[in-house]
Structures are given as structure tokens and as C-alpha cells.
Amino acid sequence: MPVRAVALQMYLASMDWINNIVDRIYDMKDVLDIVKNIESIYESDTSFNVLKDFERVIDELDLYVYENWSEGELAMGPDIDRHWVTCQFMWPREKMPDPMGAKRLLDYDCKVRMGKDNILVPRKIRKEEDIRPGTKKGKLDRKPIWVVEIKMPTSLIGEVYGGYNQINPKPADSAPQEADVQANADAATDTPAPEGAV
């Protein structure tokens, strides 16, 4: 192989490595991004309902039985596609969620990615050194976290939601029931009183 081709391959390999580092830094979570994500969920009924259904599936699959799964916090999502709903959850690095829980999700055609990342958290201001230069805000510290991305098929959400509705049916419209009660009351007043009654 010519020297020039080898040098080109080495250069491209180094660029891939740099791009991976840049992608990792770009994907780093920030507390402000998480707060904005939660605000957007509360502003959208669709996102809120999908997130509730997503959590219902996790609950029905008994994922909270596995160690630390109940302590996860929503980091990103729900991202709603035609066939998939994707959410990312985070845990402190010392409280890794049990990988057997992720395996349980795989049995139901979910796609799960687990990885280490960092989150930028503002430092509590106790000393003058805790303040960012030129501002009145605290310095940002990197805290190590676990991130679990769950990509769940919408068909699974629909199946669990359908089963939930069969167990807990929604009450029927109360207007027809009130009409039946009123009709029964009218029928009772229209019937003649029995003989001997005053």
C-alpha cells in the first residue's frame, strides 16, 4: 500500500475520533435543557399523555422491581415518531440501573442504549470562588451520570393502554343515566295510586 494511502487512512481515523469526542461534548446534558424539556411537556397535552402512557408500560412490565430503576429522572423526550417513542432517563453514576431491567425491555421489542455521560450543574455559591467571572451565577460543575435511552414501539404502548382501558373502563356519559332516572320518576308520578291509598 502506498505511503500516501496509509497516511490518508490514519488522518481519516483521527478525524473520526475527534468527531466522536465533539459529538459526546455536544450531547452533554445541562440542567437548563432538562428544565426546558419538562416545560415543553407541560405545555403540550400530547407529550404529557404519551409520557404517561410510556411510564404505564414501564410500570406494567415491572421494571421498577429492578435495582435503581425507580430513581431515574427524565432527561430528554418524549420524541414521538410514527412507530417509536423515545425517552432518555438519567441516574447518578453511583446508582446504575440494573441492566437486567434493560434486558426485560428488549424482550418486548424495545431498543435500549445505556451509557455514561456528564451533566452540567450550577455550583451552590458559598464562597467568592464559586461565582463565574463577570456574572452573579455559580460555576458549572460536571457530574457523572448514567443515561438510558429507551425506544419503545407505539404498538406496545397501544397494547398496554388497551389492556388498561379494559380493566378500568371510562365511565359512560352521565346524561343518559340522568334521563333514565327522570323517566322513571315521571312514570312513577303518572301511575295511579293503589286502591285504599290517600
N, C-alpha and C. Protein backbone atom coordinates (compact mmCIF):
# COMPACT_ATOMS: atom_id res chain seq x y z
N MET A 1 0.85 -1.17 0.00
CA MET A 1 0.00 0.00 0.00
C MET A 1 0.90 1.23 0.00
N PRO A 2 0.61 2.18 -0.87
CA PRO A 2 1.44 3.38 -0.92
C PRO A 2 1.39 4.15 0.40
N VAL A 3 2.47 4.85 0.67
CA VAL A 3 2.59 5.63 1.90
C VAL A 3 1.48 6.69 1.98
N ARG A 4 1.15 7.27 0.86
CA ARG A 4 0.14 8.32 0.83
C ARG A 4 -1.23 7.76 1.27
N ALA A 5 -1.59 6.55 0.85
CA ALA A 5 -2.86 5.94 1.21
C ALA A 5 -2.90 5.63 2.71
N VAL A 6 -1.78 5.15 3.25
CA VAL A 6 -1.71 4.87 4.69
C VAL A 6 -1.87 6.16 5.48
N ALA A 7 -1.20 7.20 5.05
CA ALA A 7 -1.30 8.49 5.74
C ALA A 7 -2.74 9.02 5.69
N LEU A 8 -3.41 8.84 4.55
CA LEU A 8 -4.79 9.29 4.42
C LEU A 8 -5.71 8.51 5.36
N GLN A 9 -5.51 7.19 5.46
CA GLN A 9 -6.31 6.37 6.37
C GLN A 9 -6.09 6.79 7.82
N MET A 10 -4.85 7.07 8.19
CA MET A 10 -4.55 7.50 9.56
C MET A 10 -5.22 8.84 9.85
N TYR A 11 -5.18 9.74 8.88
CA TYR A 11 -5.80 11.05 9.05
C TYR A 11 -7.31 10.91 9.23
N LEU A 12 -7.95 10.09 8.38
CA LEU A 12 -9.40 9.89 8.49
C LEU A 12 -9.77 9.24 9.82
N ALA A 13 -8.95 8.29 10.28
CA ALA A 13 -9.22 7.64 11.56
C ALA A 13 -9.14 8.66 12.70
N SER A 14 -8.17 9.56 12.63
CA SER A 14 -8.05 10.58 13.67
C SER A 14 -9.22 11.55 13.62
N MET A 15 -9.73 11.85 12.43
CA MET A 15 -10.88 12.74 12.31
C MET A 15 -12.13 12.09 12.90
N ASP A 16 -12.30 10.77 12.69
CA ASP A 16 -13.44 10.07 13.29
C ASP A 16 -13.37 10.15 14.81
N TRP A 17 -12.17 9.96 15.35
CA TRP A 17 -12.00 10.02 16.80
C TRP A 17 -12.37 11.41 17.31
N ILE A 18 -11.92 12.47 16.61
CA ILE A 18 -12.24 13.84 17.01
C ILE A 18 -13.74 14.09 16.90
N ASN A 19 -14.36 13.61 15.81
CA ASN A 19 -15.80 13.80 15.65
C ASN A 19 -16.57 13.12 16.76
N ASN A 20 -16.13 11.93 17.20
CA ASN A 20 -16.80 11.25 18.31
C ASN A 20 -16.70 12.06 19.59
N ILE A 21 -15.54 12.66 19.84
CA ILE A 21 -15.38 13.50 21.04
C ILE A 21 -16.30 14.71 20.94
N VAL A 22 -16.34 15.35 19.78
CA VAL A 22 -17.20 16.52 19.60
C VAL A 22 -18.66 16.15 19.79
N ASP A 23 -19.09 14.99 19.23
CA ASP A 23 -20.47 14.55 19.40
C ASP A 23 -20.78 14.31 20.87
N ARG A 24 -19.86 13.72 21.60
CA ARG A 24 -20.09 13.45 23.03
C ARG A 24 -20.23 14.76 23.80
N ILE A 25 -19.38 15.75 23.51
CA ILE A 25 -19.48 17.02 24.20
C ILE A 25 -20.78 17.73 23.82
N TYR A 26 -21.16 17.64 22.55
CA TYR A 26 -22.38 18.28 22.09
C TYR A 26 -23.61 17.67 22.76
N ASP A 27 -23.57 16.35 23.05
CA ASP A 27 -24.70 15.68 23.66
C ASP A 27 -24.75 15.83 25.18
N MET A 28 -23.74 16.46 25.77
CA MET A 28 -23.71 16.59 27.22
C MET A 28 -24.96 17.32 27.71
N LYS A 29 -25.55 16.81 28.76
CA LYS A 29 -26.78 17.36 29.30
C LYS A 29 -26.47 18.59 30.14
N ASP A 30 -27.46 19.47 30.21
CA ASP A 30 -27.38 20.67 31.03
C ASP A 30 -28.70 20.76 31.79
N VAL A 31 -28.66 21.16 33.04
CA VAL A 31 -29.87 21.26 33.85
C VAL A 31 -30.89 22.16 33.17
N LEU A 32 -30.45 23.23 32.55
CA LEU A 32 -31.36 24.16 31.88
C LEU A 32 -32.08 23.46 30.72
N ASP A 33 -31.40 22.61 29.96
CA ASP A 33 -32.04 21.87 28.88
C ASP A 33 -33.12 20.93 29.42
N ILE A 34 -32.85 20.31 30.55
CA ILE A 34 -33.82 19.39 31.14
C ILE A 34 -35.05 20.16 31.61
N VAL A 35 -34.85 21.32 32.22
CA VAL A 35 -35.98 22.14 32.66
C VAL A 35 -36.81 22.59 31.47
N LYS A 36 -36.17 23.00 30.38
CA LYS A 36 -36.90 23.41 29.17
C LYS A 36 -37.68 22.25 28.59
N ASN A 37 -37.11 21.05 28.62
CA ASN A 37 -37.81 19.86 28.12
C ASN A 37 -39.07 19.60 28.94
N ILE A 38 -38.96 19.70 30.26
CA ILE A 38 -40.12 19.45 31.12
C ILE A 38 -41.18 20.52 30.92
N GLU A 39 -40.77 21.78 30.74
CA GLU A 39 -41.74 22.84 30.45
C GLU A 39 -42.49 22.57 29.16
N SER A 40 -41.77 22.10 28.14
CA SER A 40 -42.43 21.82 26.86
C SER A 40 -43.42 20.66 26.99
N ILE A 41 -43.14 19.71 27.88
CA ILE A 41 -44.08 18.60 28.10
C ILE A 41 -45.36 19.12 28.73
N TYR A 42 -45.23 20.00 29.71
CA TYR A 42 -46.42 20.54 30.38
C TYR A 42 -47.23 21.44 29.46
N GLU A 43 -46.59 22.04 28.46
CA GLU A 43 -47.31 22.90 27.53
C GLU A 43 -48.04 22.11 26.46
N SER A 44 -47.71 20.84 26.27
CA SER A 44 -48.30 20.02 25.22
C SER A 44 -49.05 18.85 25.84
N ASP A 45 -50.36 18.82 25.63
CA ASP A 45 -51.16 17.70 26.16
C ASP A 45 -50.73 16.38 25.54
N THR A 46 -50.40 16.40 24.26
CA THR A 46 -49.99 15.18 23.58
C THR A 46 -48.73 14.60 24.21
N SER A 47 -47.72 15.41 24.40
CA SER A 47 -46.47 14.93 25.01
C SER A 47 -46.71 14.41 26.41
N PHE A 48 -47.53 15.11 27.17
CA PHE A 48 -47.81 14.69 28.55
C PHE A 48 -48.52 13.35 28.57
N ASN A 49 -49.53 13.18 27.70
CA ASN A 49 -50.26 11.90 27.66
C ASN A 49 -49.38 10.77 27.18
N VAL A 50 -48.53 11.03 26.18
CA VAL A 50 -47.62 9.99 25.69
C VAL A 50 -46.63 9.60 26.78
N LEU A 51 -46.13 10.58 27.53
CA LEU A 51 -45.20 10.27 28.61
C LEU A 51 -45.88 9.44 29.70
N LYS A 52 -47.14 9.75 30.01
CA LYS A 52 -47.87 8.94 30.99
C LYS A 52 -48.05 7.51 30.48
N ASP A 53 -48.37 7.35 29.20
CA ASP A 53 -48.53 6.01 28.63
C ASP A 53 -47.19 5.26 28.61
N PHE A 54 -46.11 5.97 28.32
CA PHE A 54 -44.76 5.40 28.33
C PHE A 54 -44.44 4.86 29.72
N GLU A 55 -44.73 5.66 30.74
CA GLU A 55 -44.47 5.26 32.12
C GLU A 55 -45.36 4.08 32.51
N ARG A 56 -46.61 4.07 32.00
CA ARG A 56 -47.52 2.97 32.31
C ARG A 56 -46.95 1.65 31.77
N VAL A 57 -46.36 1.68 30.58
CA VAL A 57 -45.75 0.47 30.02
C VAL A 57 -44.59 0.02 30.90
N ILE A 58 -43.74 0.96 31.31
CA ILE A 58 -42.61 0.61 32.17
C ILE A 58 -43.11 -0.01 33.48
N ASP A 59 -44.18 0.54 34.01
CA ASP A 59 -44.76 0.01 35.25
C ASP A 59 -45.37 -1.38 35.03
N GLU A 60 -46.11 -1.56 33.94
CA GLU A 60 -46.74 -2.85 33.65
C GLU A 60 -45.71 -3.95 33.38
N LEU A 61 -44.56 -3.58 32.86
CA LEU A 61 -43.50 -4.56 32.61
C LEU A 61 -42.67 -4.83 33.86
N ASP A 62 -43.07 -4.26 34.99
CA ASP A 62 -42.42 -4.46 36.29
C ASP A 62 -40.95 -4.08 36.27
N LEU A 63 -40.63 -3.00 35.60
CA LEU A 63 -39.25 -2.54 35.52
C LEU A 63 -38.78 -1.96 36.85
N TYR A 64 -39.71 -1.45 37.64
CA TYR A 64 -39.34 -0.81 38.90
C TYR A 64 -38.91 -1.83 39.96
N VAL A 65 -39.07 -3.11 39.66
CA VAL A 65 -38.60 -4.15 40.57
C VAL A 65 -37.07 -4.20 40.56
N TYR A 66 -36.48 -3.89 39.42
CA TYR A 66 -35.03 -3.95 39.29
C TYR A 66 -34.38 -2.77 40.00
N GLU A 67 -33.18 -3.02 40.52
CA GLU A 67 -32.49 -2.05 41.36
C GLU A 67 -32.26 -0.72 40.64
N ASN A 68 -32.64 0.36 41.33
CA ASN A 68 -32.43 1.76 40.94
C ASN A 68 -33.28 2.24 39.77
N TRP A 69 -34.10 1.40 39.15
CA TRP A 69 -34.90 1.86 38.02
C TRP A 69 -35.93 2.89 38.46
N SER A 70 -36.39 2.82 39.68
CA SER A 70 -37.41 3.78 40.14
C SER A 70 -36.80 5.15 40.44
N GLU A 71 -35.49 5.26 40.45
CA GLU A 71 -34.84 6.51 40.80
C GLU A 71 -34.39 7.33 39.60
N GLY A 72 -34.72 6.88 38.41
CA GLY A 72 -34.33 7.60 37.20
C GLY A 72 -35.14 8.87 37.02
N GLU A 73 -34.54 9.85 36.34
CA GLU A 73 -35.20 11.11 36.05
C GLU A 73 -35.22 11.32 34.54
N LEU A 74 -36.28 11.92 34.06
CA LEU A 74 -36.39 12.20 32.63
C LEU A 74 -35.34 13.24 32.24
N ALA A 75 -34.55 12.92 31.22
CA ALA A 75 -33.55 13.86 30.73
C ALA A 75 -33.98 14.48 29.40
N MET A 76 -34.53 13.68 28.51
CA MET A 76 -34.97 14.16 27.19
C MET A 76 -36.18 13.36 26.75
N GLY A 77 -37.03 13.98 25.96
CA GLY A 77 -38.16 13.28 25.38
C GLY A 77 -39.46 13.64 26.04
N PRO A 78 -40.54 13.08 25.62
CA PRO A 78 -40.64 12.02 24.62
C PRO A 78 -40.53 12.57 23.20
N ASP A 79 -39.75 11.87 22.38
CA ASP A 79 -39.66 12.16 20.96
C ASP A 79 -40.59 11.17 20.27
N ILE A 80 -41.62 11.70 19.64
CA ILE A 80 -42.69 10.87 19.09
C ILE A 80 -42.51 10.75 17.58
N ASP A 81 -42.30 9.53 17.11
CA ASP A 81 -42.24 9.23 15.68
C ASP A 81 -43.48 8.41 15.34
N ARG A 82 -43.56 8.01 14.09
CA ARG A 82 -44.72 7.25 13.65
C ARG A 82 -44.82 5.90 14.35
N HIS A 83 -43.69 5.21 14.49
CA HIS A 83 -43.70 3.86 15.06
C HIS A 83 -42.96 3.74 16.39
N TRP A 84 -42.31 4.82 16.83
CA TRP A 84 -41.48 4.75 18.03
C TRP A 84 -41.69 5.97 18.91
N VAL A 85 -41.53 5.78 20.20
CA VAL A 85 -41.47 6.88 21.17
C VAL A 85 -40.16 6.70 21.92
N THR A 86 -39.35 7.76 21.96
CA THR A 86 -38.02 7.68 22.56
C THR A 86 -37.91 8.62 23.75
N CYS A 87 -37.40 8.12 24.85
CA CYS A 87 -37.13 8.94 26.04
C CYS A 87 -35.75 8.58 26.57
N GLN A 88 -35.10 9.58 27.18
CA GLN A 88 -33.82 9.35 27.85
C GLN A 88 -34.00 9.65 29.33
N PHE A 89 -33.47 8.76 30.14
CA PHE A 89 -33.53 8.92 31.59
C PHE A 89 -32.11 8.94 32.13
N MET A 90 -31.94 9.58 33.28
CA MET A 90 -30.59 9.68 33.86
C MET A 90 -30.60 9.27 35.33
N TRP A 91 -29.45 8.76 35.77
CA TRP A 91 -29.21 8.36 37.15
C TRP A 91 -27.84 8.87 37.56
N PRO A 92 -27.63 9.15 38.84
CA PRO A 92 -26.26 9.45 39.29
C PRO A 92 -25.36 8.25 39.01
N ARG A 93 -24.09 8.49 38.75
CA ARG A 93 -23.17 7.43 38.35
C ARG A 93 -23.11 6.31 39.39
N GLU A 94 -23.25 6.65 40.68
CA GLU A 94 -23.15 5.60 41.71
C GLU A 94 -24.42 4.78 41.83
N LYS A 95 -25.50 5.16 41.13
CA LYS A 95 -26.76 4.41 41.19
C LYS A 95 -27.12 3.88 39.81
N MET A 96 -26.27 3.05 39.26
CA MET A 96 -26.50 2.49 37.93
C MET A 96 -27.76 1.63 37.94
N PRO A 97 -28.65 1.82 36.94
CA PRO A 97 -29.83 0.95 36.86
C PRO A 97 -29.42 -0.47 36.48
N ASP A 98 -30.11 -1.43 37.04
CA ASP A 98 -29.79 -2.83 36.80
C ASP A 98 -29.96 -3.17 35.32
N PRO A 99 -28.92 -3.67 34.66
CA PRO A 99 -29.02 -4.00 33.22
C PRO A 99 -30.06 -5.07 32.92
N MET A 100 -30.46 -5.87 33.90
CA MET A 100 -31.49 -6.88 33.67
C MET A 100 -32.84 -6.21 33.35
N GLY A 101 -33.06 -5.01 33.86
CA GLY A 101 -34.27 -4.27 33.50
C GLY A 101 -34.26 -3.90 32.03
N ALA A 102 -33.11 -3.50 31.53
CA ALA A 102 -32.98 -3.19 30.10
C ALA A 102 -33.21 -4.45 29.27
N LYS A 103 -32.73 -5.58 29.75
CA LYS A 103 -32.93 -6.84 29.04
C LYS A 103 -34.41 -7.18 28.98
N ARG A 104 -35.14 -6.87 30.03
CA ARG A 104 -36.59 -7.13 30.04
C ARG A 104 -37.28 -6.31 28.95
N LEU A 105 -36.83 -5.08 28.77
CA LEU A 105 -37.42 -4.24 27.71
C LEU A 105 -37.12 -4.81 26.33
N LEU A 106 -35.93 -5.38 26.16
CA LEU A 106 -35.57 -5.97 24.87
C LEU A 106 -36.51 -7.10 24.50
N ASP A 107 -37.02 -7.82 25.49
CA ASP A 107 -37.95 -8.92 25.24
C ASP A 107 -39.27 -8.42 24.65
N TYR A 108 -39.57 -7.14 24.81
CA TYR A 108 -40.81 -6.55 24.29
C TYR A 108 -40.53 -5.63 23.09
N ASP A 109 -39.49 -5.91 22.36
CA ASP A 109 -39.12 -5.20 21.11
C ASP A 109 -38.74 -3.74 21.33
N CYS A 110 -38.37 -3.36 22.53
CA CYS A 110 -37.86 -2.01 22.77
C CYS A 110 -36.36 -2.00 22.44
N LYS A 111 -35.86 -0.84 22.10
CA LYS A 111 -34.43 -0.68 21.86
C LYS A 111 -33.88 0.15 23.01
N VAL A 112 -32.83 -0.35 23.64
CA VAL A 112 -32.29 0.30 24.83
C VAL A 112 -30.80 0.53 24.63
N ARG A 113 -30.36 1.75 24.95
CA ARG A 113 -28.93 2.10 24.95
C ARG A 113 -28.58 2.64 26.32
N MET A 114 -27.53 2.12 26.92
CA MET A 114 -27.05 2.60 28.21
C MET A 114 -25.66 3.15 28.02
N GLY A 115 -25.36 4.24 28.72
CA GLY A 115 -24.03 4.79 28.62
C GLY A 115 -23.73 5.78 29.72
N LYS A 116 -22.46 6.11 29.83
CA LYS A 116 -22.01 7.09 30.80
C LYS A 116 -21.98 8.45 30.13
N ASP A 117 -22.29 9.48 30.89
CA ASP A 117 -22.25 10.85 30.37
C ASP A 117 -22.02 11.77 31.57
N ASN A 118 -22.05 13.06 31.32
CA ASN A 118 -21.93 14.06 32.38
C ASN A 118 -23.06 15.05 32.24
N ILE A 119 -23.41 15.68 33.34
CA ILE A 119 -24.41 16.74 33.32
C ILE A 119 -23.77 17.98 33.95
N LEU A 120 -24.06 19.12 33.37
CA LEU A 120 -23.56 20.38 33.93
C LEU A 120 -24.55 20.89 34.95
N VAL A 121 -24.08 21.06 36.17
CA VAL A 121 -24.93 21.50 37.28
C VAL A 121 -24.32 22.76 37.88
N PRO A 122 -25.13 23.80 38.09
CA PRO A 122 -24.56 25.01 38.70
C PRO A 122 -24.15 24.75 40.15
N ARG A 123 -23.00 25.28 40.50
CA ARG A 123 -22.45 25.12 41.84
C ARG A 123 -23.19 26.04 42.81
N LYS A 124 -23.45 25.57 44.03
CA LYS A 124 -24.03 26.43 45.06
C LYS A 124 -22.98 27.45 45.47
N ILE A 125 -23.40 28.69 45.56
CA ILE A 125 -22.46 29.76 45.87
C ILE A 125 -22.30 29.86 47.38
N ARG A 126 -21.09 29.54 47.84
CA ARG A 126 -20.77 29.64 49.27
C ARG A 126 -19.59 30.57 49.49
N LYS A 127 -18.71 30.62 48.46
CA LYS A 127 -17.53 31.48 48.53
C LYS A 127 -17.45 32.29 47.25
N GLU A 128 -16.61 33.27 47.25
CA GLU A 128 -16.45 34.11 46.07
C GLU A 128 -15.88 33.31 44.88
N GLU A 129 -15.11 32.27 45.16
CA GLU A 129 -14.55 31.46 44.09
C GLU A 129 -15.60 30.64 43.35
N ASP A 130 -16.80 30.50 43.93
CA ASP A 130 -17.87 29.72 43.32
C ASP A 130 -18.62 30.50 42.24
N ILE A 131 -18.33 31.78 42.08
CA ILE A 131 -19.04 32.63 41.11
C ILE A 131 -18.27 32.65 39.79
N ARG A 132 -19.03 32.53 38.67
CA ARG A 132 -18.42 32.65 37.34
C ARG A 132 -17.93 34.08 37.15
N PRO A 133 -16.76 34.28 36.59
CA PRO A 133 -16.23 35.64 36.39
C PRO A 133 -17.17 36.47 35.50
N GLY A 134 -17.46 37.69 35.93
CA GLY A 134 -18.29 38.60 35.15
C GLY A 134 -19.78 38.38 35.32
N THR A 135 -20.20 37.43 36.16
CA THR A 135 -21.63 37.18 36.39
C THR A 135 -21.89 37.06 37.87
N LYS A 136 -23.14 36.86 38.20
CA LYS A 136 -23.52 36.58 39.59
C LYS A 136 -24.00 35.14 39.74
N LYS A 137 -23.70 34.33 38.73
CA LYS A 137 -24.14 32.93 38.72
C LYS A 137 -23.01 32.02 39.15
N GLY A 138 -23.41 30.83 39.66
CA GLY A 138 -22.43 29.86 40.10
C GLY A 138 -21.72 29.19 38.95
N LYS A 139 -20.51 28.74 39.21
CA LYS A 139 -19.75 27.99 38.20
C LYS A 139 -20.47 26.68 37.90
N LEU A 140 -20.23 26.15 36.70
CA LEU A 140 -20.85 24.90 36.29
C LEU A 140 -19.90 23.74 36.56
N ASP A 141 -20.41 22.74 37.25
CA ASP A 141 -19.63 21.55 37.55
C ASP A 141 -20.18 20.38 36.75
N ARG A 142 -19.27 19.49 36.33
CA ARG A 142 -19.68 18.27 35.65
C ARG A 142 -19.93 17.19 36.68
N LYS A 143 -21.12 16.60 36.61
CA LYS A 143 -21.45 15.48 37.49
C LYS A 143 -21.63 14.25 36.63
N PRO A 144 -20.98 13.15 36.97
CA PRO A 144 -21.11 11.94 36.16
C PRO A 144 -22.48 11.29 36.35
N ILE A 145 -23.07 10.84 35.23
CA ILE A 145 -24.38 10.20 35.27
C ILE A 145 -24.40 8.99 34.35
N TRP A 146 -25.42 8.14 34.55
CA TRP A 146 -25.78 7.09 33.61
C TRP A 146 -26.95 7.60 32.80
N VAL A 147 -26.94 7.35 31.51
CA VAL A 147 -28.06 7.72 30.64
C VAL A 147 -28.59 6.45 29.99
N VAL A 148 -29.90 6.26 30.08
CA VAL A 148 -30.54 5.12 29.42
C VAL A 148 -31.55 5.69 28.43
N GLU A 149 -31.36 5.34 27.16
CA GLU A 149 -32.31 5.76 26.13
C GLU A 149 -33.19 4.56 25.80
N ILE A 150 -34.50 4.76 25.92
CA ILE A 150 -35.46 3.70 25.63
C ILE A 150 -36.27 4.12 24.41
N LYS A 151 -36.23 3.28 23.40
CA LYS A 151 -37.00 3.50 22.18
C LYS A 151 -38.09 2.42 22.17
N MET A 152 -39.33 2.85 22.42
CA MET A 152 -40.43 1.92 22.62
C MET A 152 -41.37 1.95 21.41
N PRO A 153 -41.79 0.79 20.91
CA PRO A 153 -42.73 0.79 19.79
C PRO A 153 -44.10 1.31 20.21
N THR A 154 -44.71 2.11 19.35
CA THR A 154 -46.05 2.65 19.68
C THR A 154 -47.07 1.53 19.79
N SER A 155 -46.84 0.42 19.09
CA SER A 155 -47.78 -0.70 19.19
C SER A 155 -47.80 -1.27 20.61
N LEU A 156 -46.66 -1.32 21.27
CA LEU A 156 -46.60 -1.80 22.66
C LEU A 156 -47.36 -0.85 23.58
N ILE A 157 -47.17 0.44 23.36
CA ILE A 157 -47.90 1.43 24.18
C ILE A 157 -49.39 1.26 23.97
N GLY A 158 -49.82 1.05 22.73
CA GLY A 158 -51.24 0.85 22.44
C GLY A 158 -51.80 -0.40 23.08
N GLU A 159 -51.02 -1.50 23.06
CA GLU A 159 -51.48 -2.75 23.67
C GLU A 159 -51.66 -2.60 25.17
N VAL A 160 -50.69 -2.00 25.83
CA VAL A 160 -50.78 -1.83 27.28
C VAL A 160 -51.91 -0.86 27.62
N TYR A 161 -52.05 0.21 26.84
CA TYR A 161 -53.11 1.19 27.08
C TYR A 161 -54.47 0.54 26.86
N GLY A 162 -54.60 -0.30 25.83
CA GLY A 162 -55.86 -1.00 25.57
C GLY A 162 -56.22 -1.93 26.72
N GLY A 163 -55.24 -2.66 27.24
CA GLY A 163 -55.49 -3.53 28.39
C GLY A 163 -55.86 -2.73 29.62
N TYR A 164 -55.26 -1.57 29.78
CA TYR A 164 -55.58 -0.70 30.93
C TYR A 164 -57.03 -0.24 30.83
N ASN A 165 -57.49 0.12 29.62
CA ASN A 165 -58.87 0.58 29.45
C ASN A 165 -59.87 -0.54 29.68
N GLN A 166 -59.50 -1.81 29.38
CA GLN A 166 -60.41 -2.92 29.64
C GLN A 166 -60.56 -3.16 31.14
N ILE A 167 -59.47 -2.97 31.88
CA ILE A 167 -59.52 -3.17 33.33
C ILE A 167 -60.23 -2.01 34.01
N ASN A 168 -59.94 -0.79 33.59
CA ASN A 168 -60.52 0.43 34.17
C ASN A 168 -61.32 1.17 33.10
N PRO A 169 -62.53 0.70 32.78
CA PRO A 169 -63.29 1.38 31.72
C PRO A 169 -63.66 2.79 32.15
N LYS A 170 -63.69 3.67 31.16
CA LYS A 170 -64.08 5.05 31.44
C LYS A 170 -65.58 5.07 31.70
N PRO A 171 -66.04 5.89 32.65
CA PRO A 171 -67.48 5.95 32.91
C PRO A 171 -68.22 6.47 31.68
N ALA A 172 -69.39 5.89 31.45
CA ALA A 172 -70.21 6.32 30.31
C ALA A 172 -70.73 7.72 30.58
N ASP A 173 -71.22 8.35 29.55
CA ASP A 173 -71.77 9.69 29.67
C ASP A 173 -72.91 9.67 30.68
N SER A 174 -72.89 10.58 31.65
CA SER A 174 -73.89 10.56 32.72
C SER A 174 -75.23 11.13 32.27
N ALA A 175 -75.30 11.82 31.14
CA ALA A 175 -76.55 12.41 30.68
C ALA A 175 -77.62 11.35 30.42
N PRO A 176 -77.33 10.24 29.73
CA PRO A 176 -78.38 9.24 29.53
C PRO A 176 -78.86 8.63 30.84
N GLN A 177 -77.96 8.46 31.81
CA GLN A 177 -78.37 7.91 33.08
C GLN A 177 -79.34 8.85 33.79
N GLU A 178 -79.06 10.14 33.73
CA GLU A 178 -79.97 11.11 34.36
C GLU A 178 -81.32 11.11 33.67
N ALA A 179 -81.33 10.94 32.33
CA ALA A 179 -82.58 10.88 31.59
C ALA A 179 -83.38 9.66 32.02
N ASP A 180 -82.71 8.51 32.24
CA ASP A 180 -83.40 7.30 32.69
C ASP A 180 -84.00 7.51 34.07
N VAL A 181 -83.27 8.16 34.96
CA VAL A 181 -83.78 8.43 36.31
C VAL A 181 -85.00 9.34 36.23
N GLN A 182 -84.94 10.37 35.39
CA GLN A 182 -86.06 11.31 35.23
C GLN A 182 -87.27 10.59 34.64
N ALA A 183 -87.05 9.71 33.65
CA ALA A 183 -88.16 8.96 33.03
C ALA A 183 -88.81 8.05 34.06
N ASN A 184 -88.00 7.41 34.91
CA ASN A 184 -88.55 6.55 35.95
C ASN A 184 -89.35 7.36 36.95
N ALA A 185 -88.86 8.56 37.27
CA ALA A 185 -89.60 9.42 38.21
C ALA A 185 -90.92 9.86 37.60
N ASP A 186 -90.93 10.21 36.31
CA ASP A 186 -92.16 10.62 35.64
C ASP A 186 -93.14 9.47 35.57
N ALA A 187 -92.66 8.26 35.31
CA ALA A 187 -93.53 7.09 35.24
C ALA A 187 -94.16 6.82 36.59
N ALA A 188 -93.43 7.05 37.65
CA ALA A 188 -93.96 6.80 38.99
C ALA A 188 -95.05 7.79 39.32
N THR A 189 -94.94 9.02 38.87
CA THR A 189 -95.99 10.02 39.18
C THR A 189 -97.21 9.83 38.29
N ASP A 190 -97.06 9.23 37.11
CA ASP A 190 -98.18 9.02 36.20
C ASP A 190 -99.02 7.82 36.58
N THR A 191 -98.48 6.88 37.33
CA THR A 191 -99.24 5.69 37.70
C THR A 191 -100.25 6.05 38.77
N PRO A 192 -101.46 5.52 38.65
CA PRO A 192 -102.48 5.83 39.68
C PRO A 192 -102.11 5.23 41.02
N ALA A 193 -102.52 5.87 42.05
CA ALA A 193 -102.25 5.38 43.40
C ALA A 193 -103.05 4.10 43.62
N PRO A 194 -102.50 3.14 44.37
CA PRO A 194 -103.21 1.90 44.65
C PRO A 194 -104.48 2.20 45.44
N GLU A 195 -105.48 1.31 45.30
CA GLU A 195 -106.75 1.49 45.99
C GLU A 195 -106.52 1.49 47.49
N GLY A 196 -107.21 2.34 48.15
CA GLY A 196 -107.11 2.42 49.59
C GLY A 196 -106.02 3.41 50.03
N ALA A 197 -105.22 3.90 49.12
CA ALA A 197 -104.19 4.88 49.46
C ALA A 197 -104.76 6.26 49.30
N VAL A 198 -104.42 7.17 50.13
CA VAL A 198 -104.97 8.52 50.06
C VAL A 198 -104.00 9.47 49.44
